[in-house]
Amino acid sequence: MYIVNTSFFVDPAVQNAWLAILKDKYIPFLKGEGCRIISFSRIISADPVDHFTYSLMTEAEDIGGYTRYENELFAEYEKLAGLMFGERVTTFTTLMKKIEHE
């Protein structure tokens, strides 16, 4: 099992409009595409920053699921928000392997 984490760095000037798209369109899209577990969080920094940082996490059963997220599902985000916000929102995705513990 893998965790797919996409981090978003959002310019305060577009935060409200961007949040609306994530909450009203992109997250429902992911659920409709079979993403069972979705966690959406704002990252709080101890140091002052000039942007907001968010984390969107979902799970992938295998590398194929991750590839689908990167090639197909994240493309929907790009259609919904990428062109609209341009460089005011930057992203990067991290793949993590889930380690089971007792």
Protein backbone atom coordinates (compact mmCIF):
# COMPACT_ATOMS: atom_id res chain seq x y z
CA MET A 1 0.00 0.00 0.00
CA TYR A 2 1.24 3.48 -0.88
CA ILE A 3 0.34 6.98 0.24
CA VAL A 4 0.29 9.63 -2.47
CA ASN A 5 0.80 13.10 -0.99
CA THR A 6 0.42 16.22 -3.09
CA SER A 7 1.58 19.45 -1.46
CA PHE A 8 0.17 22.77 -2.64
CA PHE A 9 1.76 26.17 -2.01
CA VAL A 10 -1.02 28.72 -2.42
CA ASP A 11 -0.74 32.50 -2.81
CA PRO A 12 -3.03 34.19 -0.22
CA ALA A 13 -4.64 36.28 -2.99
CA VAL A 14 -6.19 33.15 -4.56
CA GLN A 15 -6.63 30.93 -1.50
CA ASN A 16 -10.43 31.16 -1.18
CA ALA A 17 -11.11 30.54 -4.87
CA TRP A 18 -8.57 27.69 -4.94
CA LEU A 19 -10.04 26.07 -1.82
CA ALA A 20 -13.51 26.17 -3.35
CA ILE A 21 -12.30 24.27 -6.42
CA LEU A 22 -10.50 21.67 -4.32
CA LYS A 23 -13.41 21.09 -1.96
CA ASP A 24 -16.30 21.40 -4.42
CA LYS A 25 -14.82 19.81 -7.54
CA TYR A 26 -11.49 18.01 -7.27
CA ILE A 27 -11.99 16.03 -4.05
CA PRO A 28 -15.48 14.86 -5.16
CA PHE A 29 -13.90 13.88 -8.50
CA LEU A 30 -11.28 11.75 -6.71
CA LYS A 31 -14.00 10.05 -4.63
CA GLY A 32 -15.97 9.36 -7.79
CA GLU A 33 -12.88 7.78 -9.33
CA GLY A 34 -12.58 5.30 -6.47
CA CYS A 35 -10.15 7.01 -4.09
CA ARG A 36 -11.38 5.53 -0.83
CA ILE A 37 -9.26 7.40 1.69
CA ILE A 38 -8.65 11.10 1.19
CA SER A 39 -7.11 13.41 3.76
CA PHE A 40 -6.96 17.15 3.08
CA SER A 41 -5.04 19.32 5.56
CA ARG A 42 -3.54 22.74 5.96
CA ILE A 43 0.08 22.61 7.08
CA ILE A 44 0.88 25.00 9.90
CA SER A 45 4.40 26.41 9.98
CA ALA A 46 6.17 27.67 13.10
CA ASP A 47 8.03 30.16 10.92
CA PRO A 48 6.28 32.98 9.07
CA VAL A 49 5.61 32.20 5.41
CA ASP A 50 4.16 34.23 2.56
CA HIS A 51 1.84 31.47 1.32
CA PHE A 52 -0.53 28.78 2.58
CA THR A 53 0.54 25.15 2.37
CA TYR A 54 -1.92 22.26 1.99
CA SER A 55 -1.54 18.51 1.79
CA LEU A 56 -3.88 16.18 -0.10
CA MET A 57 -3.26 12.49 0.62
CA THR A 58 -4.84 9.42 -0.85
CA GLU A 59 -3.85 5.77 -1.03
CA ALA A 60 -2.77 3.62 -3.96
CA GLU A 61 -2.78 -0.18 -3.82
CA ASP A 62 0.32 -0.44 -5.98
CA ILE A 63 2.63 1.49 -8.29
CA GLY A 64 0.01 1.21 -11.03
CA GLY A 65 -2.44 3.10 -8.82
CA TYR A 66 0.15 5.79 -8.24
CA THR A 67 0.83 6.04 -11.97
CA ARG A 68 -2.90 6.41 -12.59
CA TYR A 69 -3.05 9.23 -10.05
CA GLU A 70 -0.10 11.03 -11.62
CA ASN A 71 -1.15 10.54 -15.27
CA GLU A 72 -4.95 10.61 -15.14
CA LEU A 73 -6.38 11.85 -11.85
CA PHE A 74 -4.01 14.76 -11.29
CA ALA A 75 -4.65 15.83 -14.89
CA GLU A 76 -8.18 16.69 -13.75
CA TYR A 77 -6.73 19.05 -11.13
CA GLU A 78 -4.67 20.68 -13.87
CA LYS A 79 -7.83 21.18 -15.96
CA LEU A 80 -9.79 22.60 -13.02
CA ALA A 81 -7.16 24.79 -11.39
CA GLY A 82 -3.79 24.66 -13.10
CA LEU A 83 -4.51 27.15 -15.84
CA MET A 84 -6.69 29.31 -13.63
CA PHE A 85 -4.08 29.91 -10.95
CA GLY A 86 -0.82 29.39 -12.83
CA GLU A 87 2.23 30.17 -10.71
CA ARG A 88 0.07 31.36 -7.79
CA VAL A 89 -0.30 27.70 -6.81
CA THR A 90 2.65 25.34 -7.07
CA THR A 91 2.59 21.63 -6.32
CA PHE A 92 4.76 18.60 -5.84
CA THR A 93 3.81 14.99 -5.24
CA THR A 94 5.54 12.52 -2.94
CA LEU A 95 5.03 8.75 -2.97
CA MET A 96 5.40 6.97 0.36
CA LYS A 97 5.30 3.24 1.07
CA LYS A 98 3.05 2.44 3.99
CA ILE A 99 4.81 0.47 6.74
CA GLU A 100 2.55 -1.62 8.93
CA HIS A 101 3.32 -1.69 12.63
CA GLU A 102 1.93 -3.46 15.67
